[in-house]
C-alpha atoms as a PDB file:
ATOM      1  CA  UNK A   1    -110.124  10.081 -52.255  1.00  0.00           C
ATOM      2  CA  UNK A   2    -111.236  11.244 -55.701  1.00  0.00           C
ATOM      3  CA  UNK A   3    -111.209   8.765 -58.603  1.00  0.00           C
ATOM      4  CA  UNK A   4    -107.942   8.411 -60.431  1.00  0.00           C
ATOM      5  CA  UNK A   5    -107.755  10.334 -63.730  1.00  0.00           C
ATOM      6  CA  UNK A   6    -108.405   8.268 -66.847  1.00  0.00           C
ATOM      7  CA  UNK A   7    -105.117   7.528 -68.649  1.00  0.00           C
ATOM      8  CA  UNK A   8    -104.866   9.392 -71.917  1.00  0.00           C
ATOM      9  CA  UNK A   9    -108.213  11.119 -71.392  1.00  0.00           C
ATOM     10  CA  UNK A  10    -107.612  13.654 -68.601  1.00  0.00           C
ATOM     11  CA  UNK A  11    -105.027  16.429 -68.688  1.00  0.00           C
ATOM     12  CA  UNK A  12    -103.805  19.382 -66.630  1.00  0.00           C
ATOM     13  CA  UNK A  13    -102.773  22.694 -68.158  1.00  0.00           C
ATOM     14  CA  UNK A  14    -100.952  25.211 -65.972  1.00  0.00           C
ATOM     15  CA  UNK A  15     -99.604  28.565 -67.037  1.00  0.00           C
ATOM     16  CA  UNK A  16     -98.585  32.063 -66.044  1.00  0.00           C
ATOM     17  CA  UNK A  17     -98.148  35.194 -68.117  1.00  0.00           C
ATOM     18  CA  UNK A  18     -98.597  38.954 -68.023  1.00  0.00           C
ATOM     19  CA  UNK A  19    -102.214  39.744 -67.224  1.00  0.00           C
ATOM     20  CA  UNK A  20    -104.161  40.773 -70.327  1.00  0.00           C
ATOM     21  CA  UNK A  21    -107.620  40.627 -71.812  1.00  0.00           C
ATOM     22  CA  UNK A  22    -108.744  37.462 -73.573  1.00  0.00           C
ATOM     23  CA  UNK A  23    -106.678  34.862 -71.690  1.00  0.00           C
ATOM     24  CA  UNK A  24    -109.540  32.736 -70.386  1.00  0.00           C
ATOM     25  CA  UNK A  25    -111.343  33.009 -73.712  1.00  0.00           C
ATOM     26  CA  UNK A  26    -108.226  31.803 -75.543  1.00  0.00           C
ATOM     27  CA  UNK A  27    -107.933  28.767 -73.233  1.00  0.00           C
ATOM     28  CA  UNK A  28    -111.597  27.801 -73.491  1.00  0.00           C
ATOM     29  CA  UNK A  29    -111.512  28.224 -77.273  1.00  0.00           C
ATOM     30  CA  UNK A  30    -108.481  25.927 -77.464  1.00  0.00           C
ATOM     31  CA  UNK A  31    -110.313  23.321 -75.367  1.00  0.00           C
ATOM     32  CA  UNK A  32    -113.451  23.596 -77.497  1.00  0.00           C
ATOM     33  CA  UNK A  33    -111.448  22.956 -80.671  1.00  0.00           C
ATOM     34  CA  UNK A  34    -109.841  19.869 -79.087  1.00  0.00           C
ATOM     35  CA  UNK A  35    -112.997  18.222 -77.658  1.00  0.00           C
ATOM     36  CA  UNK A  36    -112.034  19.358 -74.155  1.00  0.00           C
ATOM     37  CA  UNK A  37    -114.393  19.537 -71.178  1.00  0.00           C
ATOM     38  CA  UNK A  38    -113.309  21.414 -68.038  1.00  0.00           C
ATOM     39  CA  UNK A  39    -113.407  19.317 -64.847  1.00  0.00           C
ATOM     40  CA  UNK A  40    -111.767  21.887 -62.560  1.00  0.00           C
ATOM     41  CA  UNK A  41    -110.487  25.394 -63.179  1.00  0.00           C
ATOM     42  CA  UNK A  42    -108.652  27.785 -60.839  1.00  0.00           C
ATOM     43  CA  UNK A  43    -107.128  31.157 -61.609  1.00  0.00           C
ATOM     44  CA  UNK A  44    -105.368  33.992 -59.815  1.00  0.00           C
ATOM     45  CA  UNK A  45    -104.662  37.531 -60.946  1.00  0.00           C
ATOM     46  CA  UNK A  46    -101.699  38.906 -58.986  1.00  0.00           C
ATOM     47  CA  UNK A  47    -102.287  42.630 -59.178  1.00  0.00           C
ATOM     48  CA  UNK A  48     -99.028  43.340 -57.372  1.00  0.00           C
ATOM     49  CA  UNK A  49     -96.898  41.733 -60.083  1.00  0.00           C
ATOM     50  CA  UNK A  50     -99.335  42.046 -62.979  1.00  0.00           C
ATOM     51  CA  UNK A  51     -99.189  38.312 -63.686  1.00  0.00           C
ATOM     52  CA  UNK A  52    -102.023  35.878 -64.287  1.00  0.00           C
ATOM     53  CA  UNK A  53    -101.945  32.238 -63.144  1.00  0.00           C
ATOM     54  CA  UNK A  54    -104.270  29.419 -64.153  1.00  0.00           C
ATOM     55  CA  UNK A  55    -104.714  25.672 -63.711  1.00  0.00           C
ATOM     56  CA  UNK A  56    -107.230  23.736 -65.801  1.00  0.00           C
ATOM     57  CA  UNK A  57    -108.014  20.032 -65.354  1.00  0.00           C
ATOM     58  CA  UNK A  58    -109.975  18.767 -68.343  1.00  0.00           C
ATOM     59  CA  UNK A  59    -110.897  15.616 -70.216  1.00  0.00           C
ATOM     60  CA  UNK A  60    -111.037  15.010 -73.951  1.00  0.00           C
ATOM     61  CA  UNK A  61    -113.906  13.132 -75.584  1.00  0.00           C
ATOM     62  CA  UNK A  62    -112.166  12.499 -78.914  1.00  0.00           C
ATOM     63  CA  UNK A  63    -110.021   9.327 -78.492  1.00  0.00           C
ATOM     64  CA  UNK A  64    -107.930  10.371 -81.462  1.00  0.00           C
ATOM     65  CA  UNK A  65    -106.497  13.426 -79.690  1.00  0.00           C
ATOM     66  CA  UNK A  66    -103.241  12.735 -77.831  1.00  0.00           C
ATOM     67  CA  UNK A  67    -101.133  14.665 -75.354  1.00  0.00           C
ATOM     68  CA  UNK A  68     -98.772  15.691 -78.130  1.00  0.00           C
ATOM     69  CA  UNK A  69    -101.715  16.921 -80.218  1.00  0.00           C
ATOM     70  CA  UNK A  70    -102.795  19.098 -77.312  1.00  0.00           C
ATOM     71  CA  UNK A  71     -99.293  20.463 -76.775  1.00  0.00           C
ATOM     72  CA  UNK A  72     -98.963  21.249 -80.478  1.00  0.00           C
ATOM     73  CA  UNK A  73    -102.376  22.895 -80.486  1.00  0.00           C
ATOM     74  CA  UNK A  74    -101.674  25.084 -77.472  1.00  0.00           C
ATOM     75  CA  UNK A  75     -98.296  26.247 -78.786  1.00  0.00           C
ATOM     76  CA  UNK A  76     -99.667  29.155 -80.868  1.00  0.00           C
ATOM     77  CA  UNK A  77    -101.860  30.286 -77.962  1.00  0.00           C
ATOM     78  CA  UNK A  78     -98.872  30.332 -75.651  1.00  0.00           C
ATOM     79  CA  UNK A  79     -96.796  32.255 -78.144  1.00  0.00           C
ATOM     80  CA  UNK A  80     -99.511  34.817 -78.833  1.00  0.00           C
ATOM     81  CA  UNK A  81     -99.973  35.698 -75.168  1.00  0.00           C
ATOM     82  CA  UNK A  82     -96.400  35.243 -73.920  1.00  0.00           C
ATOM     83  CA  UNK A  83     -97.438  32.294 -71.763  1.00  0.00           C
ATOM     84  CA  UNK A  84     -95.092  30.073 -69.752  1.00  0.00           C
ATOM     85  CA  UNK A  85     -97.020  26.805 -69.701  1.00  0.00           C
ATOM     86  CA  UNK A  86     -97.001  23.071 -69.009  1.00  0.00           C
ATOM     87  CA  UNK A  87     -99.479  20.417 -70.123  1.00  0.00           C
ATOM     88  CA  UNK A  88     -99.464  16.923 -68.598  1.00  0.00           C
ATOM     89  CA  UNK A  89    -101.453  13.706 -68.637  1.00  0.00           C
ATOM     90  CA  UNK A  90    -103.233  13.893 -65.260  1.00  0.00           C
ATOM     91  CA  UNK A  91    -102.895  10.138 -64.701  1.00  0.00           C
ATOM     92  CA  UNK A  92     -99.110   9.979 -65.048  1.00  0.00           C
ATOM     93  CA  UNK A  93     -97.453   9.696 -61.602  1.00  0.00           C
ATOM     94  CA  UNK A  94     -94.605  12.078 -60.851  1.00  0.00           C
ATOM     95  CA  UNK A  95     -91.297  10.202 -60.849  1.00  0.00           C
ATOM     96  CA  UNK A  96     -89.875  11.173 -57.466  1.00  0.00           C
ATOM     97  CA  UNK A  97     -86.387  10.518 -56.120  1.00  0.00           C
ATOM     98  CA  UNK A  98     -86.288  10.768 -52.324  1.00  0.00           C
ATOM     99  CA  UNK A  99     -83.158  11.733 -50.392  1.00  0.00           C
ATOM    100  CA  UNK A 100     -82.682  11.085 -46.674  1.00  0.00           C
ATOM    101  CA  UNK A 101     -79.957  11.027 -44.019  1.00  0.00           C
ATOM    102  CA  UNK A 102     -80.524   9.684 -40.486  1.00  0.00           C
ATOM    103  CA  UNK A 103     -84.079  10.836 -39.695  1.00  0.00           C
ATOM    104  CA  UNK A 104     -86.606   8.629 -41.475  1.00  0.00           C
ATOM    105  CA  UNK A 105     -90.022   9.940 -40.415  1.00  0.00           C
ATOM    106  CA  UNK A 106     -90.643  11.911 -43.620  1.00  0.00           C
ATOM    107  CA  UNK A 107     -89.326   9.122 -45.840  1.00  0.00           C
ATOM    108  CA  UNK A 108     -91.476   6.522 -44.097  1.00  0.00           C
ATOM    109  CA  UNK A 109     -94.555   8.733 -44.360  1.00  0.00           C
ATOM    110  CA  UNK A 110     -94.080   9.384 -48.086  1.00  0.00           C
ATOM    111  CA  UNK A 111     -93.551   5.704 -48.846  1.00  0.00           C
ATOM    112  CA  UNK A 112     -96.631   4.699 -46.866  1.00  0.00           C
ATOM    113  CA  UNK A 113     -98.807   7.309 -48.576  1.00  0.00           C
ATOM    114  CA  UNK A 114     -97.515   6.149 -51.949  1.00  0.00           C
ATOM    115  CA  UNK A 115     -98.288   2.514 -51.097  1.00  0.00           C
ATOM    116  CA  UNK A 116    -101.898   3.387 -50.176  1.00  0.00           C
ATOM    117  CA  UNK A 117    -102.425   5.466 -53.305  1.00  0.00           C
ATOM    118  CA  UNK A 118    -102.883   8.782 -51.506  1.00  0.00           C
ATOM    119  CA  UNK A 119     -99.746  10.135 -53.225  1.00  0.00           C
ATOM    120  CA  UNK A 120     -99.683   9.725 -56.992  1.00  0.00           C
ATOM    121  CA  UNK A 121     -95.933   9.364 -57.325  1.00  0.00           C
ATOM    122  CA  UNK A 122     -93.514   6.713 -58.541  1.00  0.00           C
ATOM    123  CA  UNK A 123     -90.333   6.343 -56.506  1.00  0.00           C
ATOM    124  CA  UNK A 124     -87.603   4.852 -58.722  1.00  0.00           C
ATOM    125  CA  UNK A 125     -84.867   5.379 -56.126  1.00  0.00           C
ATOM    126  CA  UNK A 126     -83.973   6.416 -52.596  1.00  0.00           C
ATOM    127  CA  UNK A 127     -80.618   8.132 -52.107  1.00  0.00           C
ATOM    128  CA  UNK A 128     -78.825   8.530 -48.793  1.00  0.00           C
ATOM    129  CA  UNK A 129     -75.433   9.471 -47.438  1.00  0.00           C
ATOM    130  CA  UNK A 130     -75.965   6.736 -44.791  1.00  0.00           C
ATOM    131  CA  UNK A 131     -77.211   3.149 -44.912  1.00  0.00           C
ATOM    132  CA  UNK A 132     -79.740   3.390 -42.062  1.00  0.00           C
ATOM    133  CA  UNK A 133     -82.835   3.152 -44.266  1.00  0.00           C
ATOM    134  CA  UNK A 134     -81.662   0.599 -46.790  1.00  0.00           C
ATOM    135  CA  UNK A 135     -83.874  -2.082 -45.121  1.00  0.00           C
ATOM    136  CA  UNK A 136     -86.892   0.246 -45.329  1.00  0.00           C
ATOM    137  CA  UNK A 137     -86.287   0.836 -49.030  1.00  0.00           C
ATOM    138  CA  UNK A 138     -85.942  -2.912 -49.550  1.00  0.00           C
ATOM    139  CA  UNK A 139     -89.249  -3.556 -47.781  1.00  0.00           C
ATOM    140  CA  UNK A 140     -90.986  -1.348 -50.356  1.00  0.00           C
ATOM    141  CA  UNK A 141     -89.045  -2.854 -53.260  1.00  0.00           C
ATOM    142  CA  UNK A 142     -87.314   0.428 -54.092  1.00  0.00           C
ATOM    143  CA  UNK A 143     -83.646   0.583 -55.185  1.00  0.00           C
ATOM    144  CA  UNK A 144     -81.436   2.188 -52.520  1.00  0.00           C
ATOM    145  CA  UNK A 145     -78.340   4.158 -53.512  1.00  0.00           C
ATOM    146  CA  UNK A 146     -75.747   4.867 -50.838  1.00  0.00           C
ATOM    147  CA  UNK A 147     -73.797   7.968 -51.848  1.00  0.00           C
ATOM    148  CA  UNK A 148     -71.458   9.065 -49.031  1.00  0.00           C
ATOM    149  CA  UNK A 149     -70.640  12.760 -48.863  1.00  0.00           C
ATOM    150  CA  UNK A 150     -67.490  14.333 -47.478  1.00  0.00           C
ATOM    151  CA  UNK A 151     -65.916  17.675 -48.204  1.00  0.00           C
ATOM    152  CA  UNK A 152     -63.535  15.929 -50.598  1.00  0.00           C
ATOM    153  CA  UNK A 153     -66.218  13.868 -52.379  1.00  0.00           C
ATOM    154  CA  UNK A 154     -69.105  16.361 -52.483  1.00  0.00           C
ATOM    155  CA  UNK A 155     -68.703  17.221 -56.162  1.00  0.00           C
ATOM    156  CA  UNK A 156     -68.481  13.545 -57.107  1.00  0.00           C
ATOM    157  CA  UNK A 157     -71.550  12.714 -54.998  1.00  0.00           C
ATOM    158  CA  UNK A 158     -73.618  15.462 -56.603  1.00  0.00           C
ATOM    159  CA  UNK A 159     -72.534  14.352 -60.063  1.00  0.00           C
ATOM    160  CA  UNK A 160     -73.702  10.819 -59.243  1.00  0.00           C
ATOM    161  CA  UNK A 161     -77.032  12.200 -58.055  1.00  0.00           C
ATOM    162  CA  UNK A 162     -77.531  14.127 -61.291  1.00  0.00           C
ATOM    163  CA  UNK A 163     -76.685  10.973 -63.239  1.00  0.00           C
ATOM    164  CA  UNK A 164     -79.458   9.147 -61.384  1.00  0.00           C
ATOM    165  CA  UNK A 165     -81.910  11.977 -62.036  1.00  0.00           C
ATOM    166  CA  UNK A 166     -81.156  11.707 -65.741  1.00  0.00           C
ATOM    167  CA  UNK A 167     -80.971   7.907 -65.971  1.00  0.00           C
ATOM    168  CA  UNK A 168     -84.231   7.399 -64.066  1.00  0.00           C
ATOM    169  CA  UNK A 169     -86.085  10.235 -65.812  1.00  0.00           C
ATOM    170  CA  UNK A 170     -86.811  11.868 -62.449  1.00  0.00           C
ATOM    171  CA  UNK A 171     -89.357  14.716 -62.339  1.00  0.00           C
ATOM    172  CA  UNK A 172     -88.977  15.661 -58.673  1.00  0.00           C
ATOM    173  CA  UNK A 173     -86.297  15.364 -55.993  1.00  0.00           C
ATOM    174  CA  UNK A 174     -87.504  15.415 -52.379  1.00  0.00           C
ATOM    175  CA  UNK A 175     -85.108  16.165 -49.541  1.00  0.00           C
ATOM    176  CA  UNK A 176     -86.881  14.203 -46.791  1.00  0.00           C
ATOM    177  CA  UNK A 177     -84.573  15.391 -44.014  1.00  0.00           C
ATOM    178  CA  UNK A 178     -81.451  15.053 -46.159  1.00  0.00           C
ATOM    179  CA  UNK A 179     -78.884  16.798 -43.999  1.00  0.00           C
ATOM    180  CA  UNK A 180     -76.452  18.043 -46.620  1.00  0.00           C
ATOM    181  CA  UNK A 181     -76.277  21.515 -48.148  1.00  0.00           C
ATOM    182  CA  UNK A 182     -76.568  21.331 -51.934  1.00  0.00           C
ATOM    183  CA  UNK A 183     -74.123  23.316 -54.045  1.00  0.00           C
ATOM    184  CA  UNK A 184     -75.295  26.368 -55.969  1.00  0.00           C
ATOM    185  CA  UNK A 185     -74.752  24.524 -59.235  1.00  0.00           C
ATOM    186  CA  UNK A 186     -76.889  21.559 -58.155  1.00  0.00           C
ATOM    187  CA  UNK A 187     -79.637  23.901 -56.945  1.00  0.00           C
ATOM    188  CA  UNK A 188     -79.698  25.550 -60.377  1.00  0.00           C
ATOM    189  CA  UNK A 189     -79.838  22.155 -62.124  1.00  0.00           C
ATOM    190  CA  UNK A 190     -82.827  21.150 -59.975  1.00  0.00           C
ATOM    191  CA  UNK A 191     -84.556  24.530 -60.089  1.00  0.00           C
ATOM    192  CA  UNK A 192     -88.304  24.156 -59.615  1.00  0.00           C
ATOM    193  CA  UNK A 193     -88.164  20.399 -59.140  1.00  0.00           C
ATOM    194  CA  UNK A 194     -86.604  19.886 -55.707  1.00  0.00           C
ATOM    195  CA  UNK A 195     -88.525  20.239 -52.434  1.00  0.00           C
ATOM    196  CA  UNK A 196     -87.011  20.526 -48.957  1.00  0.00           C
ATOM    197  CA  UNK A 197     -88.556  20.300 -45.495  1.00  0.00           C
ATOM    198  CA  UNK A 198     -87.292  21.979 -42.317  1.00  0.00           C
ATOM    199  CA  UNK A 199     -88.567  23.003 -38.925  1.00  0.00           C
ATOM    200  CA  UNK A 200     -89.905  26.527 -38.752  1.00  0.00           C
ATOM    201  CA  UNK A 201     -87.552  27.578 -35.964  1.00  0.00           C
ATOM    202  CA  UNK A 202     -84.965  28.688 -38.506  1.00  0.00           C
ATOM    203  CA  UNK A 203     -83.038  30.850 -38.112  1.00  0.00           C
ATOM    204  CA  UNK A 204     -83.757  31.203 -34.368  1.00  0.00           C
ATOM    205  CA  UNK A 205     -82.626  27.681 -33.497  1.00  0.00           C
ATOM    206  CA  UNK A 206     -79.822  26.585 -35.795  1.00  0.00           C
ATOM    207  CA  UNK A 207     -77.552  23.582 -35.623  1.00  0.00           C
ATOM    208  CA  UNK A 208     -78.032  20.376 -33.679  1.00  0.00           C
ATOM    209  CA  UNK A 209     -81.129  19.534 -31.636  1.00  0.00           C
ATOM    210  CA  UNK A 210     -83.302  22.523 -32.653  1.00  0.00           C
ATOM    211  CA  UNK A 211     -86.370  21.125 -30.878  1.00  0.00           C
ATOM    212  CA  UNK A 212     -84.464  20.840 -27.604  1.00  0.00           C
ATOM    213  CA  UNK A 213     -83.301  24.433 -28.045  1.00  0.00           C
ATOM    214  CA  UNK A 214     -86.914  25.433 -28.683  1.00  0.00           C
ATOM    215  CA  UNK A 215     -88.090  23.572 -25.579  1.00  0.00           C
ATOM    216  CA  UNK A 216     -85.464  25.312 -23.477  1.00  0.00           C
ATOM    217  CA  UNK A 217     -86.756  28.666 -24.698  1.00  0.00           C
ATOM    218  CA  UNK A 218     -90.372  27.735 -23.910  1.00  0.00           C
ATOM    219  CA  UNK A 219     -91.798  27.890 -27.435  1.00  0.00           C
ATOM    220  CA  UNK A 220     -95.558  27.740 -27.794  1.00  0.00           C
ATOM    221  CA  UNK A 221     -95.694  26.742 -31.466  1.00  0.00           C
ATOM    222  CA  UNK A 222     -93.976  23.866 -33.248  1.00  0.00           C
ATOM    223  CA  UNK A 223     -94.006  24.120 -37.017  1.00  0.00           C
ATOM    224  CA  UNK A 224     -92.517  23.067 -40.343  1.00  0.00           C
ATOM    225  CA  UNK A 225     -91.985  24.582 -43.784  1.00  0.00           C
ATOM    226  CA  UNK A 226     -91.787  22.882 -47.186  1.00  0.00           C
ATOM    227  CA  UNK A 227     -90.202  24.929 -49.952  1.00  0.00           C
ATOM    228  CA  UNK A 228     -88.479  24.663 -53.303  1.00  0.00           C
ATOM    229  CA  UNK A 229     -84.710  24.351 -53.095  1.00  0.00           C
ATOM    230  CA  UNK A 230     -82.653  27.346 -54.186  1.00  0.00           C
ATOM    231  CA  UNK A 231     -79.064  28.437 -53.668  1.00  0.00           C
ATOM    232  CA  UNK A 232     -80.329  30.680 -50.833  1.00  0.00           C
ATOM    233  CA  UNK A 233     -80.297  28.148 -47.990  1.00  0.00           C
ATOM    234  CA  UNK A 234     -83.818  27.439 -46.686  1.00  0.00           C
ATOM    235  CA  UNK A 235     -85.171  30.556 -48.399  1.00  0.00           C
ATOM    236  CA  UNK A 236     -86.755  29.090 -51.540  1.00  0.00           C
ATOM    237  CA  UNK A 237     -90.397  29.713 -52.519  1.00  0.00           C
ATOM    238  CA  UNK A 238     -92.615  28.312 -49.759  1.00  0.00           C
ATOM    239  CA  UNK A 239     -95.191  25.678 -50.741  1.00  0.00           C
ATOM    240  CA  UNK A 240     -96.738  24.768 -47.376  1.00  0.00           C
ATOM    241  CA  UNK A 241     -96.408  25.471 -43.650  1.00  0.00           C
ATOM    242  CA  UNK A 242     -98.174  24.283 -40.534  1.00  0.00           C
ATOM    243  CA  UNK A 243     -97.917  24.652 -36.762  1.00  0.00           C
ATOM    244  CA  UNK A 244     -99.105  22.863 -33.611  1.00  0.00           C
ATOM    245  CA  UNK A 245     -99.457  24.516 -30.214  1.00  0.00           C
ATOM    246  CA  UNK A 246     -97.397  23.165 -27.324  1.00  0.00           C
ATOM    247  CA  UNK A 247     -97.090  24.238 -23.696  1.00  0.00           C
ATOM    248  CA  UNK A 248     -95.006  23.775 -20.565  1.00  0.00           C
ATOM    249  CA  UNK A 249     -96.362  20.261 -19.971  1.00  0.00           C
ATOM    250  CA  UNK A 250     -94.492  18.846 -22.967  1.00  0.00           C
ATOM    251  CA  UNK A 251     -91.040  17.424 -22.344  1.00  0.00           C
ATOM    252  CA  UNK A 252     -88.277  17.638 -24.972  1.00  0.00           C
ATOM    253  CA  UNK A 253     -88.967  14.163 -26.401  1.00  0.00           C
ATOM    254  CA  UNK A 254     -92.637  15.024 -26.886  1.00  0.00           C
ATOM    255  CA  UNK A 255     -91.724  18.271 -28.633  1.00  0.00           C
ATOM    256  CA  UNK A 256     -89.449  16.316 -30.987  1.00  0.00           C
ATOM    257  CA  UNK A 257     -92.244  13.824 -31.755  1.00  0.00           C
ATOM    258  CA  UNK A 258     -94.754  16.600 -32.413  1.00  0.00           C
ATOM    259  CA  UNK A 259     -92.266  18.420 -34.619  1.00  0.00           C
ATOM    260  CA  UNK A 260     -91.496  15.371 -36.720  1.00  0.00           C
ATOM    261  CA  UNK A 261     -95.192  14.666 -37.196  1.00  0.00           C
ATOM    262  CA  UNK A 262     -95.737  18.206 -38.473  1.00  0.00           C
ATOM    263  CA  UNK A 263     -92.742  17.903 -40.801  1.00  0.00           C
ATOM    264  CA  UNK A 264     -94.101  14.685 -42.332  1.00  0.00           C
ATOM    265  CA  UNK A 265     -97.571  16.148 -42.915  1.00  0.00           C
ATOM    266  CA  UNK A 266     -96.300  19.386 -44.417  1.00  0.00           C
ATOM    267  CA  UNK A 267     -93.874  17.644 -46.761  1.00  0.00           C
ATOM    268  CA  UNK A 268     -96.544  15.165 -47.907  1.00  0.00           C
ATOM    269  CA  UNK A 269     -98.922  17.985 -48.780  1.00  0.00           C
ATOM    270  CA  UNK A 270     -96.211  19.841 -50.701  1.00  0.00           C
ATOM    271  CA  UNK A 271     -95.299  16.723 -52.693  1.00  0.00           C
ATOM    272  CA  UNK A 272     -98.973  15.998 -53.361  1.00  0.00           C
ATOM    273  CA  UNK A 273     -99.694  19.488 -54.650  1.00  0.00           C
ATOM    274  CA  UNK A 274     -96.550  19.563 -56.781  1.00  0.00           C
ATOM    275  CA  UNK A 275     -97.302  16.146 -58.261  1.00  0.00           C
ATOM    276  CA  UNK A 276    -100.802  17.313 -59.209  1.00  0.00           C
ATOM    277  CA  UNK A 277     -99.448  20.496 -60.862  1.00  0.00           C
ATOM    278  CA  UNK A 278    -101.102  22.704 -58.259  1.00  0.00           C
ATOM    279  CA  UNK A 279     -98.019  24.806 -57.464  1.00  0.00           C
ATOM    280  CA  UNK A 280     -96.865  27.659 -59.700  1.00  0.00           C
ATOM    281  CA  UNK A 281     -93.806  29.723 -58.817  1.00  0.00           C
ATOM    282  CA  UNK A 282     -94.420  33.463 -58.642  1.00  0.00           C
ATOM    283  CA  UNK A 283     -91.007  35.062 -58.201  1.00  0.00           C
ATOM    284  CA  UNK A 284     -89.914  34.270 -54.637  1.00  0.00           C
ATOM    285  CA  UNK A 285     -93.403  33.047 -53.756  1.00  0.00           C
ATOM    286  CA  UNK A 286     -95.807  30.388 -54.969  1.00  0.00           C
ATOM    287  CA  UNK A 287     -99.403  30.225 -56.115  1.00  0.00           C
ATOM    288  CA  UNK A 288    -100.957  27.013 -54.767  1.00  0.00           C
ATOM    289  CA  UNK A 289    -104.300  25.907 -56.240  1.00  0.00           C
ATOM    290  CA  UNK A 290    -105.295  23.492 -53.482  1.00  0.00           C
END
């Protein structure tokens, strides 16, 4: 694992804008004027859409230059080139609220990775419409919020969730097998900062027990997809996918186990890349600087 970024000394700039001459020069000039030294730089010119994407991880040698100084300094550059940009302290963990229902493999995996330092996130709360994983949350010392959801209480439950997002200054919401459909309004409120995970059999195997349905049809690939949440159910911009081959020798329980393992890995990678500002949305797609 790479060394942790130095607090207050290392920063990440990400941006997208219409492709045009002088963009890289403008960024490097800005860094030069603010004692910046590039540690990692990735860029992508999407010739289909005519947009340019860039991620720059840099440190600053002048201890008197703060994050706010950098943001103020980059403002005129962004305005001049029509740039949509973000600039963060690379050492600041992403405050991540995790939601779960009755399947805990993704939740457990995220919490373990966080505890070992392989995921640079803070988890101020776990939210569930069931109480099954309250003991797990307690074992990690994380506040657990039980918010039941019925057709009659859905609006109230979503309002409570948004209150928590605001109160806890949450940057990212992760649906770690949270088995409730979010309303269009909630999806809009969480646009670009909510990640969902699902098996890749959609829409072929909908409803209950999708892995059993897949087994009965003799599938040869078990997969999972992590994507940003939008009002189009399970059709948001894809961040990561993976598959594992299976064959006739696997029974339904083994297929379920393999599928859950893939789900956990794919979701962890998506959360990791988002938390490190490596994912930029490009319309209905994403640019991922891995």
